[in-house]
Amino acid sequence: MPKIVDHEMRRRELADAAWRVIRRDGLEAASVRNIAKEAGVSLGSLRHYFNSQDELLAYALGRVIERVRERIGNLRLTGDIRRDIVTIIEQTLPLDEERQTEAIIWLAYLGKMLTNAGLGALAAKTHDELYHLFRRLLDAMKRHGLLDANADPELEARRMHALIDGLAVHGVVSRHAVDHDTIRAVVTRHLESLSADRPSRT
C-alpha cells in the first residue's frame, strides 16, 4: 500500500528546517541544499514541495504570522477586556522560546525584504494585518467605554504598532536589559495611558 504523505505537513517540516538554519547560521546560509540537509531529505524531495529557494523562504516567513494567528485563535479569553487585550498582544512578542524564534526569523529577513519583491509584498501584508489587529483591540476598548474619549483610534493603532515592533526588536537584541517582565509592564502601562479611567501618576 503506498505511503500517504501530508503535503502541507511536509512543507511545514521543511519550513521548520529553514528556521533552524536561519537561526543558527543566518539567512545567507539558507540555501536549498543546506535546508534539505537540515531536514534530512534529498534536493529532489525538497523540490517536490517547493519550486525554488524564494518560494521556500517566502513560505517560511509566512509561517511566522500564521503561527501568531493560530495562537490568538486558540486563546481562551476571560471576558476582562484589558486583560484579554494584553494576552492577545503578548502573542506577537518574544516572551518564550517559540516566540523568540519567530522574532529572530522575522528580523533575519528584514534586509532581504527590501530587495525581494515577493518577500516585500508579504511583509507589507503582514504589517497591515498587525495594524488592523491593534485597531480592532482599540475599537473593543472604545465599545466598552475603556478608551479615552480624546484618543484617535487610528493614530493610537499606529502608535501601538510601533511600540510592539520596538519591543519585539529589543526583546531579541537586548534580552539582558529588556526581559519578559519589562515587556509585559510596558504593554500594560501603555494600555493604561489610553484608558478612560487611567490611574494618575505621582
N, C-alpha and C. Protein backbone atom coordinates (compact mmCIF):
# COMPACT_ATOMS: atom_id res chain seq x y z
N MET A 1 0.85 -1.19 0.00
CA MET A 1 0.00 0.00 0.00
C MET A 1 0.89 1.25 0.00
N PRO A 2 0.69 2.21 -0.91
CA PRO A 2 1.56 3.38 -0.98
C PRO A 2 1.45 4.24 0.27
N LYS A 3 2.58 4.82 0.64
CA LYS A 3 2.61 5.69 1.82
C LYS A 3 1.90 7.00 1.50
N ILE A 4 1.00 7.43 2.39
CA ILE A 4 0.28 8.69 2.20
C ILE A 4 1.06 9.80 2.90
N VAL A 5 1.41 10.82 2.16
CA VAL A 5 2.19 11.94 2.70
C VAL A 5 1.30 13.17 2.79
N ASP A 6 1.26 13.77 3.95
CA ASP A 6 0.51 15.02 4.14
C ASP A 6 1.36 16.14 3.56
N HIS A 7 0.93 16.67 2.42
CA HIS A 7 1.73 17.65 1.68
C HIS A 7 2.01 18.90 2.52
N GLU A 8 0.98 19.43 3.16
CA GLU A 8 1.16 20.65 3.94
C GLU A 8 2.03 20.41 5.16
N MET A 9 1.88 19.25 5.79
CA MET A 9 2.72 18.95 6.95
C MET A 9 4.19 18.87 6.55
N ARG A 10 4.46 18.27 5.39
CA ARG A 10 5.85 18.18 4.93
C ARG A 10 6.41 19.58 4.61
N ARG A 11 5.58 20.44 4.03
CA ARG A 11 6.03 21.81 3.77
C ARG A 11 6.37 22.54 5.08
N ARG A 12 5.56 22.30 6.10
CA ARG A 12 5.84 22.92 7.40
C ARG A 12 7.13 22.37 8.00
N GLU A 13 7.37 21.08 7.83
CA GLU A 13 8.61 20.48 8.33
C GLU A 13 9.82 21.09 7.64
N LEU A 14 9.71 21.33 6.34
CA LEU A 14 10.80 21.95 5.60
C LEU A 14 10.99 23.40 6.03
N ALA A 15 9.89 24.09 6.30
CA ALA A 15 9.99 25.46 6.80
C ALA A 15 10.65 25.48 8.17
N ASP A 16 10.33 24.50 9.01
CA ASP A 16 10.97 24.39 10.32
C ASP A 16 12.47 24.20 10.17
N ALA A 17 12.86 23.37 9.19
CA ALA A 17 14.29 23.16 8.92
C ALA A 17 14.94 24.46 8.47
N ALA A 18 14.23 25.22 7.64
CA ALA A 18 14.75 26.53 7.20
C ALA A 18 14.94 27.44 8.40
N TRP A 19 13.99 27.45 9.31
CA TRP A 19 14.11 28.27 10.51
C TRP A 19 15.35 27.89 11.31
N ARG A 20 15.60 26.59 11.45
CA ARG A 20 16.77 26.16 12.23
C ARG A 20 18.06 26.65 11.58
N VAL A 21 18.13 26.54 10.27
CA VAL A 21 19.32 27.02 9.56
C VAL A 21 19.48 28.52 9.75
N ILE A 22 18.39 29.26 9.58
CA ILE A 22 18.44 30.72 9.68
C ILE A 22 18.81 31.15 11.09
N ARG A 23 18.22 30.52 12.09
CA ARG A 23 18.51 30.93 13.47
C ARG A 23 19.96 30.60 13.83
N ARG A 24 20.45 29.48 13.35
CA ARG A 24 21.81 29.05 13.71
C ARG A 24 22.88 29.77 12.88
N ASP A 25 22.64 29.88 11.57
CA ASP A 25 23.69 30.32 10.65
C ASP A 25 23.38 31.60 9.88
N GLY A 26 22.16 32.13 10.01
CA GLY A 26 21.80 33.34 9.30
C GLY A 26 21.08 33.05 7.99
N LEU A 27 20.37 34.06 7.49
CA LEU A 27 19.58 33.89 6.27
C LEU A 27 20.46 33.57 5.07
N GLU A 28 21.68 34.11 5.06
CA GLU A 28 22.57 33.86 3.92
C GLU A 28 22.93 32.38 3.77
N ALA A 29 22.79 31.62 4.85
CA ALA A 29 23.10 30.19 4.79
C ALA A 29 21.91 29.34 4.39
N ALA A 30 20.75 29.98 4.20
CA ALA A 30 19.51 29.22 3.96
C ALA A 30 19.36 28.87 2.48
N SER A 31 20.33 28.13 1.96
CA SER A 31 20.24 27.63 0.59
C SER A 31 19.34 26.40 0.57
N VAL A 32 18.85 26.07 -0.61
CA VAL A 32 18.03 24.86 -0.74
C VAL A 32 18.82 23.64 -0.29
N ARG A 33 20.09 23.60 -0.66
CA ARG A 33 20.94 22.45 -0.28
C ARG A 33 21.06 22.33 1.24
N ASN A 34 21.34 23.45 1.91
CA ASN A 34 21.51 23.41 3.37
C ASN A 34 20.21 23.07 4.08
N ILE A 35 19.11 23.58 3.57
CA ILE A 35 17.81 23.29 4.19
C ILE A 35 17.45 21.82 4.00
N ALA A 36 17.71 21.29 2.81
CA ALA A 36 17.45 19.86 2.57
C ALA A 36 18.29 19.01 3.52
N LYS A 37 19.56 19.38 3.68
CA LYS A 37 20.43 18.63 4.60
C LYS A 37 19.91 18.70 6.02
N GLU A 38 19.49 19.88 6.45
CA GLU A 38 18.95 20.06 7.80
C GLU A 38 17.71 19.21 8.02
N ALA A 39 16.88 19.12 6.98
CA ALA A 39 15.63 18.35 7.07
C ALA A 39 15.84 16.86 6.88
N GLY A 40 17.04 16.47 6.43
CA GLY A 40 17.32 15.06 6.20
C GLY A 40 16.63 14.51 4.97
N VAL A 41 16.47 15.34 3.94
CA VAL A 41 15.83 14.91 2.70
C VAL A 41 16.74 15.24 1.52
N SER A 42 16.46 14.64 0.39
CA SER A 42 17.23 14.92 -0.81
C SER A 42 16.77 16.23 -1.44
N LEU A 43 17.62 16.80 -2.29
CA LEU A 43 17.23 18.01 -3.01
C LEU A 43 16.00 17.75 -3.87
N GLY A 44 15.96 16.59 -4.49
CA GLY A 44 14.81 16.25 -5.32
C GLY A 44 13.52 16.19 -4.52
N SER A 45 13.61 15.64 -3.31
CA SER A 45 12.43 15.56 -2.46
C SER A 45 11.97 16.96 -2.06
N LEU A 46 12.92 17.83 -1.70
CA LEU A 46 12.55 19.19 -1.31
C LEU A 46 11.88 19.92 -2.47
N ARG A 47 12.40 19.73 -3.67
CA ARG A 47 11.85 20.43 -4.84
C ARG A 47 10.47 19.91 -5.23
N HIS A 48 10.09 18.78 -4.67
CA HIS A 48 8.72 18.30 -4.89
C HIS A 48 7.72 19.20 -4.17
N TYR A 49 8.19 19.87 -3.10
CA TYR A 49 7.31 20.72 -2.30
C TYR A 49 7.51 22.21 -2.56
N PHE A 50 8.69 22.59 -3.00
CA PHE A 50 8.98 23.99 -3.30
C PHE A 50 9.78 24.07 -4.60
N ASN A 51 9.33 24.92 -5.50
CA ASN A 51 9.98 25.01 -6.81
C ASN A 51 11.27 25.81 -6.79
N SER A 52 11.45 26.63 -5.77
CA SER A 52 12.63 27.49 -5.73
C SER A 52 12.96 27.88 -4.30
N GLN A 53 14.16 28.41 -4.12
CA GLN A 53 14.56 28.92 -2.81
C GLN A 53 13.64 30.07 -2.38
N ASP A 54 13.31 30.96 -3.32
CA ASP A 54 12.44 32.09 -2.99
C ASP A 54 11.08 31.61 -2.48
N GLU A 55 10.54 30.58 -3.11
CA GLU A 55 9.24 30.06 -2.69
C GLU A 55 9.32 29.48 -1.28
N LEU A 56 10.39 28.74 -1.00
CA LEU A 56 10.57 28.15 0.32
C LEU A 56 10.77 29.24 1.38
N LEU A 57 11.60 30.24 1.08
CA LEU A 57 11.85 31.30 2.05
C LEU A 57 10.60 32.12 2.31
N ALA A 58 9.80 32.36 1.27
CA ALA A 58 8.55 33.10 1.46
C ALA A 58 7.59 32.31 2.33
N TYR A 59 7.51 31.01 2.10
CA TYR A 59 6.62 30.17 2.91
C TYR A 59 7.10 30.17 4.36
N ALA A 60 8.41 30.04 4.56
CA ALA A 60 8.95 30.02 5.93
C ALA A 60 8.67 31.33 6.65
N LEU A 61 8.77 32.45 5.94
CA LEU A 61 8.45 33.74 6.55
C LEU A 61 6.96 33.83 6.87
N GLY A 62 6.13 33.37 5.96
CA GLY A 62 4.69 33.39 6.18
C GLY A 62 4.26 32.59 7.39
N ARG A 63 5.06 31.57 7.74
CA ARG A 63 4.72 30.76 8.91
C ARG A 63 4.78 31.56 10.20
N VAL A 64 5.57 32.64 10.22
CA VAL A 64 5.65 33.46 11.43
C VAL A 64 4.27 34.02 11.77
N ILE A 65 3.68 34.75 10.84
CA ILE A 65 2.38 35.36 11.11
C ILE A 65 1.29 34.29 11.22
N GLU A 66 1.45 33.18 10.50
CA GLU A 66 0.46 32.11 10.60
C GLU A 66 0.42 31.54 12.01
N ARG A 67 1.58 31.38 12.62
CA ARG A 67 1.64 30.85 13.97
C ARG A 67 1.06 31.84 14.98
N VAL A 68 1.29 33.13 14.75
CA VAL A 68 0.68 34.14 15.62
C VAL A 68 -0.84 34.05 15.52
N ARG A 69 -1.35 33.93 14.29
CA ARG A 69 -2.80 33.79 14.10
C ARG A 69 -3.33 32.57 14.85
N GLU A 70 -2.62 31.46 14.72
CA GLU A 70 -3.07 30.22 15.36
C GLU A 70 -3.12 30.39 16.88
N ARG A 71 -2.10 31.00 17.46
CA ARG A 71 -2.09 31.19 18.91
C ARG A 71 -3.25 32.07 19.36
N ILE A 72 -3.46 33.17 18.65
CA ILE A 72 -4.56 34.06 19.01
C ILE A 72 -5.90 33.35 18.87
N GLY A 73 -6.05 32.58 17.80
CA GLY A 73 -7.30 31.85 17.58
C GLY A 73 -7.57 30.80 18.63
N ASN A 74 -6.52 30.28 19.25
CA ASN A 74 -6.67 29.23 20.26
C ASN A 74 -6.77 29.76 21.69
N LEU A 75 -6.69 31.07 21.86
CA LEU A 75 -6.76 31.64 23.21
C LEU A 75 -8.13 31.42 23.84
N ARG A 76 -8.13 31.19 25.13
CA ARG A 76 -9.37 31.14 25.90
C ARG A 76 -9.46 32.45 26.67
N LEU A 77 -10.20 33.39 26.11
CA LEU A 77 -10.28 34.72 26.69
C LEU A 77 -11.19 34.72 27.92
N THR A 78 -10.93 35.69 28.82
CA THR A 78 -11.60 35.70 30.12
C THR A 78 -12.85 36.58 30.14
N GLY A 79 -12.95 37.51 29.19
CA GLY A 79 -14.03 38.49 29.24
C GLY A 79 -13.61 39.79 29.89
N ASP A 80 -12.45 39.77 30.56
CA ASP A 80 -11.86 41.00 31.09
C ASP A 80 -11.14 41.67 29.92
N ILE A 81 -11.70 42.75 29.38
CA ILE A 81 -11.22 43.32 28.12
C ILE A 81 -9.75 43.70 28.19
N ARG A 82 -9.35 44.41 29.23
CA ARG A 82 -7.95 44.84 29.32
C ARG A 82 -7.01 43.63 29.40
N ARG A 83 -7.37 42.69 30.24
CA ARG A 83 -6.52 41.51 30.41
C ARG A 83 -6.44 40.72 29.11
N ASP A 84 -7.57 40.58 28.44
CA ASP A 84 -7.59 39.83 27.18
C ASP A 84 -6.77 40.53 26.10
N ILE A 85 -6.82 41.86 26.07
CA ILE A 85 -6.03 42.60 25.08
C ILE A 85 -4.54 42.41 25.33
N VAL A 86 -4.13 42.46 26.58
CA VAL A 86 -2.72 42.21 26.90
C VAL A 86 -2.33 40.80 26.45
N THR A 87 -3.18 39.83 26.72
CA THR A 87 -2.89 38.44 26.34
C THR A 87 -2.75 38.31 24.83
N ILE A 88 -3.63 38.97 24.09
CA ILE A 88 -3.56 38.92 22.62
C ILE A 88 -2.27 39.57 22.13
N ILE A 89 -1.94 40.74 22.64
CA ILE A 89 -0.72 41.43 22.23
C ILE A 89 0.51 40.58 22.53
N GLU A 90 0.50 39.89 23.66
CA GLU A 90 1.64 39.07 24.04
C GLU A 90 1.95 37.98 23.02
N GLN A 91 0.96 37.58 22.24
CA GLN A 91 1.20 36.53 21.24
C GLN A 91 2.12 37.01 20.13
N THR A 92 2.28 38.33 20.00
CA THR A 92 3.14 38.89 18.95
C THR A 92 4.54 39.22 19.46
N LEU A 93 4.80 38.97 20.73
CA LEU A 93 6.06 39.39 21.35
C LEU A 93 6.92 38.20 21.77
N PRO A 94 8.24 38.35 21.80
CA PRO A 94 9.16 37.24 22.10
C PRO A 94 9.23 36.91 23.59
N LEU A 95 8.15 36.31 24.11
CA LEU A 95 8.05 36.06 25.54
C LEU A 95 8.30 34.61 25.94
N ASP A 96 8.62 33.76 24.98
CA ASP A 96 9.05 32.39 25.28
C ASP A 96 9.91 31.93 24.11
N GLU A 97 10.42 30.72 24.19
CA GLU A 97 11.35 30.25 23.17
C GLU A 97 10.73 30.22 21.78
N GLU A 98 9.47 29.79 21.69
CA GLU A 98 8.79 29.74 20.40
C GLU A 98 8.67 31.12 19.78
N ARG A 99 8.19 32.08 20.56
CA ARG A 99 8.00 33.43 20.04
C ARG A 99 9.34 34.15 19.84
N GLN A 100 10.34 33.79 20.65
CA GLN A 100 11.68 34.34 20.44
C GLN A 100 12.21 33.92 19.07
N THR A 101 12.03 32.65 18.74
CA THR A 101 12.48 32.15 17.44
C THR A 101 11.76 32.88 16.31
N GLU A 102 10.46 33.06 16.45
CA GLU A 102 9.69 33.76 15.41
C GLU A 102 10.23 35.17 15.19
N ALA A 103 10.53 35.87 16.28
CA ALA A 103 11.04 37.24 16.16
C ALA A 103 12.42 37.25 15.51
N ILE A 104 13.25 36.30 15.87
CA ILE A 104 14.59 36.20 15.27
C ILE A 104 14.48 35.95 13.77
N ILE A 105 13.60 35.05 13.39
CA ILE A 105 13.41 34.74 11.97
C ILE A 105 12.94 35.98 11.23
N TRP A 106 11.95 36.67 11.78
CA TRP A 106 11.43 37.87 11.12
C TRP A 106 12.53 38.91 10.93
N LEU A 107 13.32 39.15 11.97
CA LEU A 107 14.38 40.15 11.89
C LEU A 107 15.46 39.73 10.89
N ALA A 108 15.72 38.43 10.80
CA ALA A 108 16.73 37.95 9.86
C ALA A 108 16.36 38.27 8.41
N TYR A 109 15.08 38.36 8.14
CA TYR A 109 14.60 38.61 6.78
C TYR A 109 14.59 40.10 6.40
N LEU A 110 14.76 41.00 7.35
CA LEU A 110 14.49 42.41 7.10
C LEU A 110 15.22 42.96 5.88
N GLY A 111 16.52 42.72 5.77
CA GLY A 111 17.28 43.23 4.65
C GLY A 111 16.79 42.70 3.32
N LYS A 112 16.47 41.41 3.30
CA LYS A 112 16.04 40.78 2.05
C LYS A 112 14.66 41.28 1.63
N MET A 113 13.83 41.68 2.59
CA MET A 113 12.51 42.22 2.26
C MET A 113 12.61 43.47 1.39
N LEU A 114 13.72 44.20 1.52
CA LEU A 114 13.88 45.45 0.79
C LEU A 114 14.26 45.22 -0.67
N THR A 115 14.78 44.05 -0.99
CA THR A 115 15.27 43.79 -2.35
C THR A 115 14.54 42.67 -3.05
N ASN A 116 13.72 41.93 -2.34
CA ASN A 116 12.98 40.82 -2.92
C ASN A 116 11.50 41.20 -2.95
N ALA A 117 10.95 41.33 -4.15
CA ALA A 117 9.57 41.83 -4.29
C ALA A 117 8.57 40.93 -3.59
N GLY A 118 8.75 39.62 -3.70
CA GLY A 118 7.81 38.69 -3.07
C GLY A 118 7.82 38.80 -1.56
N LEU A 119 9.02 38.84 -0.98
CA LEU A 119 9.12 38.97 0.47
C LEU A 119 8.64 40.35 0.92
N GLY A 120 8.93 41.37 0.12
CA GLY A 120 8.46 42.71 0.46
C GLY A 120 6.95 42.80 0.50
N ALA A 121 6.30 42.15 -0.47
CA ALA A 121 4.83 42.15 -0.51
C ALA A 121 4.26 41.41 0.69
N LEU A 122 4.90 40.28 1.06
CA LEU A 122 4.44 39.52 2.22
C LEU A 122 4.62 40.32 3.49
N ALA A 123 5.74 41.03 3.60
CA ALA A 123 5.99 41.86 4.78
C ALA A 123 4.96 42.98 4.88
N ALA A 124 4.62 43.59 3.74
CA ALA A 124 3.62 44.67 3.74
C ALA A 124 2.26 44.14 4.15
N LYS A 125 1.91 42.96 3.67
CA LYS A 125 0.63 42.35 4.03
C LYS A 125 0.58 42.05 5.53
N THR A 126 1.69 41.55 6.06
CA THR A 126 1.77 41.24 7.49
C THR A 126 1.69 42.52 8.32
N HIS A 127 2.37 43.56 7.85
CA HIS A 127 2.32 44.86 8.54
C HIS A 127 0.88 45.35 8.64
N ASP A 128 0.16 45.27 7.53
CA ASP A 128 -1.24 45.72 7.53
C ASP A 128 -2.10 44.87 8.45
N GLU A 129 -1.84 43.56 8.45
CA GLU A 129 -2.63 42.66 9.29
C GLU A 129 -2.44 42.99 10.76
N LEU A 130 -1.19 43.27 11.16
CA LEU A 130 -0.93 43.61 12.55
C LEU A 130 -1.56 44.95 12.91
N TYR A 131 -1.46 45.92 12.00
CA TYR A 131 -2.11 47.21 12.27
C TYR A 131 -3.60 47.01 12.53
N HIS A 132 -4.25 46.23 11.68
CA HIS A 132 -5.69 46.03 11.82
C HIS A 132 -6.02 45.25 13.10
N LEU A 133 -5.12 44.37 13.52
CA LEU A 133 -5.31 43.69 14.81
C LEU A 133 -5.33 44.73 15.93
N PHE A 134 -4.33 45.61 15.95
CA PHE A 134 -4.27 46.61 17.02
C PHE A 134 -5.46 47.57 16.94
N ARG A 135 -5.88 47.89 15.73
CA ARG A 135 -7.05 48.77 15.58
C ARG A 135 -8.29 48.09 16.16
N ARG A 136 -8.46 46.80 15.92
CA ARG A 136 -9.62 46.08 16.47
C ARG A 136 -9.58 46.05 18.00
N LEU A 137 -8.38 45.91 18.56
CA LEU A 137 -8.26 45.89 20.02
C LEU A 137 -8.67 47.24 20.60
N LEU A 138 -8.24 48.31 19.96
CA LEU A 138 -8.61 49.65 20.44
C LEU A 138 -10.10 49.91 20.24
N ASP A 139 -10.64 49.43 19.13
CA ASP A 139 -12.09 49.57 18.92
C ASP A 139 -12.87 48.83 19.99
N ALA A 140 -12.35 47.68 20.43
CA ALA A 140 -13.01 46.93 21.51
C ALA A 140 -12.98 47.73 22.80
N MET A 141 -11.83 48.36 23.09
CA MET A 141 -11.77 49.22 24.27
C MET A 141 -12.78 50.35 24.18
N LYS A 142 -12.90 50.94 23.00
CA LYS A 142 -13.84 52.06 22.82
C LYS A 142 -15.28 51.60 23.02
N ARG A 143 -15.63 50.44 22.47
CA ARG A 143 -17.01 49.93 22.61
C ARG A 143 -17.38 49.71 24.06
N HIS A 144 -16.40 49.33 24.85
CA HIS A 144 -16.67 49.03 26.26
C HIS A 144 -16.40 50.23 27.17
N GLY A 145 -16.22 51.40 26.56
CA GLY A 145 -16.03 52.60 27.36
C GLY A 145 -14.69 52.66 28.08
N LEU A 146 -13.70 51.92 27.58
CA LEU A 146 -12.41 51.85 28.24
C LEU A 146 -11.35 52.73 27.59
N LEU A 147 -11.65 53.30 26.43
CA LEU A 147 -10.68 54.13 25.72
C LEU A 147 -10.95 55.60 25.99
N ASP A 148 -9.89 56.34 26.27
CA ASP A 148 -10.01 57.78 26.49
C ASP A 148 -10.79 58.42 25.34
N ALA A 149 -11.76 59.25 25.67
CA ALA A 149 -12.62 59.86 24.66
C ALA A 149 -11.84 60.73 23.69
N ASN A 150 -10.68 61.23 24.11
CA ASN A 150 -9.86 62.09 23.25
C ASN A 150 -8.90 61.30 22.36
N ALA A 151 -8.85 60.00 22.54
CA ALA A 151 -7.90 59.19 21.76
C ALA A 151 -8.40 59.01 20.33
N ASP A 152 -7.48 59.08 19.38
CA ASP A 152 -7.77 58.83 17.97
C ASP A 152 -7.42 57.37 17.70
N PRO A 153 -8.40 56.48 17.53
CA PRO A 153 -8.11 55.05 17.39
C PRO A 153 -7.13 54.73 16.26
N GLU A 154 -7.25 55.43 15.14
CA GLU A 154 -6.34 55.15 14.02
C GLU A 154 -4.90 55.51 14.37
N LEU A 155 -4.71 56.71 14.91
CA LEU A 155 -3.37 57.13 15.31
C LEU A 155 -2.83 56.25 16.42
N GLU A 156 -3.67 55.91 17.39
CA GLU A 156 -3.22 55.09 18.51
C GLU A 156 -2.88 53.67 18.06
N ALA A 157 -3.57 53.16 17.04
CA ALA A 157 -3.23 51.85 16.50
C ALA A 157 -1.84 51.89 15.87
N ARG A 158 -1.52 52.99 15.17
CA ARG A 158 -0.18 53.15 14.60
C ARG A 158 0.87 53.23 15.71
N ARG A 159 0.54 53.97 16.75
CA ARG A 159 1.49 54.12 17.86
C ARG A 159 1.72 52.79 18.57
N MET A 160 0.63 52.05 18.79
CA MET A 160 0.75 50.74 19.42
C MET A 160 1.58 49.80 18.55
N HIS A 161 1.34 49.85 17.24
CA HIS A 161 2.08 49.00 16.31
C HIS A 161 3.58 49.30 16.41
N ALA A 162 3.93 50.59 16.41
CA ALA A 162 5.34 50.97 16.51
C ALA A 162 5.94 50.51 17.84
N LEU A 163 5.18 50.65 18.92
CA LEU A 163 5.65 50.22 20.24
C LEU A 163 5.90 48.72 20.26
N ILE A 164 4.97 47.94 19.74
CA ILE A 164 5.10 46.48 19.77
C ILE A 164 6.26 46.04 18.89
N ASP A 165 6.41 46.67 17.72
CA ASP A 165 7.57 46.36 16.87
C ASP A 165 8.87 46.63 17.62
N GLY A 166 8.93 47.77 18.30
CA GLY A 166 10.14 48.11 19.05
C GLY A 166 10.42 47.13 20.17
N LEU A 167 9.39 46.74 20.88
CA LEU A 167 9.56 45.76 21.96
C LEU A 167 10.04 44.42 21.42
N ALA A 168 9.53 44.03 20.25
CA ALA A 168 9.96 42.76 19.65
C ALA A 168 11.45 42.81 19.32
N VAL A 169 11.90 43.93 18.76
CA VAL A 169 13.33 44.08 18.45
C VAL A 169 14.16 44.06 19.73
N HIS A 170 13.75 44.84 20.71
CA HIS A 170 14.50 44.89 21.97
C HIS A 170 14.51 43.54 22.66
N GLY A 171 13.40 42.81 22.55
CA GLY A 171 13.32 41.50 23.19
C GLY A 171 14.25 40.48 22.57
N VAL A 172 14.73 40.77 21.36
CA VAL A 172 15.68 39.88 20.69
C VAL A 172 17.12 40.36 20.89
N VAL A 173 17.37 41.64 20.61
CA VAL A 173 18.75 42.12 20.60
C VAL A 173 19.22 42.62 21.96
N SER A 174 18.29 42.87 22.89
CA SER A 174 18.67 43.38 24.22
C SER A 174 18.00 42.56 25.32
N ARG A 175 18.06 41.25 25.17
CA ARG A 175 17.36 40.37 26.12
C ARG A 175 17.85 40.58 27.55
N HIS A 176 19.13 40.94 27.70
CA HIS A 176 19.68 41.14 29.04
C HIS A 176 19.08 42.35 29.73
N ALA A 177 18.64 43.34 28.94
CA ALA A 177 18.10 44.58 29.50
C ALA A 177 16.58 44.64 29.46
N VAL A 178 16.00 43.99 28.45
CA VAL A 178 14.54 44.04 28.27
C VAL A 178 14.01 42.62 28.43
N ASP A 179 13.73 42.24 29.67
CA ASP A 179 13.27 40.88 29.93
C ASP A 179 11.75 40.80 29.77
N HIS A 180 11.22 39.61 29.97
CA HIS A 180 9.79 39.38 29.75
C HIS A 180 8.93 40.25 30.66
N ASP A 181 9.32 40.38 31.91
CA ASP A 181 8.53 41.20 32.83
C ASP A 181 8.51 42.66 32.39
N THR A 182 9.64 43.14 31.89
CA THR A 182 9.71 44.52 31.42
C THR A 182 8.79 44.72 30.22
N ILE A 183 8.82 43.78 29.29
CA ILE A 183 7.95 43.88 28.10
C ILE A 183 6.49 43.92 28.52
N ARG A 184 6.10 43.03 29.42
CA ARG A 184 4.70 43.00 29.88
C ARG A 184 4.33 44.30 30.58
N ALA A 185 5.25 44.83 31.38
CA ALA A 185 4.98 46.07 32.11
C ALA A 185 4.80 47.24 31.15
N VAL A 186 5.60 47.29 30.10
CA VAL A 186 5.48 48.38 29.11
C VAL A 186 4.14 48.30 28.40
N VAL A 187 3.73 47.09 28.00
CA VAL A 187 2.45 46.92 27.32
C VAL A 187 1.30 47.34 28.23
N THR A 188 1.35 46.89 29.48
CA THR A 188 0.29 47.22 30.43
C THR A 188 0.22 48.72 30.68
N ARG A 189 1.38 49.35 30.87
CA ARG A 189 1.41 50.79 31.12
C ARG A 189 0.89 51.56 29.90
N HIS A 190 1.22 51.09 28.71
CA HIS A 190 0.74 51.77 27.50
C HIS A 190 -0.78 51.72 27.43
N LEU A 191 -1.35 50.57 27.72
CA LEU A 191 -2.82 50.45 27.70
C LEU A 191 -3.45 51.34 28.77
N GLU A 192 -2.81 51.41 29.93
CA GLU A 192 -3.32 52.29 30.98
C GLU A 192 -3.34 53.74 30.51
N SER A 193 -2.33 54.13 29.73
CA SER A 193 -2.24 55.52 29.27
C SER A 193 -3.36 55.86 28.29
N LEU A 194 -3.96 54.83 27.69
CA LEU A 194 -5.05 55.04 26.73
C LEU A 194 -6.42 54.91 27.37
N SER A 195 -6.46 54.52 28.63
CA SER A 195 -7.72 54.17 29.26
C SER A 195 -8.51 55.40 29.69
N ALA A 196 -9.82 55.27 29.61
CA ALA A 196 -10.71 56.34 30.06
C ALA A 196 -10.56 56.59 31.55
N ASP A 197 -10.25 55.54 32.30
CA ASP A 197 -10.11 55.67 33.76
C ASP A 197 -8.66 55.45 34.17
N ARG A 198 -7.73 55.97 33.37
CA ARG A 198 -6.32 55.72 33.65
C ARG A 198 -5.95 56.26 35.03
N PRO A 199 -5.12 55.50 35.75
CA PRO A 199 -4.72 55.96 37.08
C PRO A 199 -3.80 57.16 36.98
N SER A 200 -3.87 58.04 37.97
CA SER A 200 -2.98 59.20 37.98
C SER A 200 -1.59 58.76 38.40
N ARG A 201 -0.57 59.46 37.87
CA ARG A 201 0.82 59.15 38.20
C ARG A 201 1.37 60.27 39.07
N THR A 202 1.98 59.91 40.16
CA THR A 202 2.56 60.92 41.03
C THR A 202 4.06 60.78 41.04
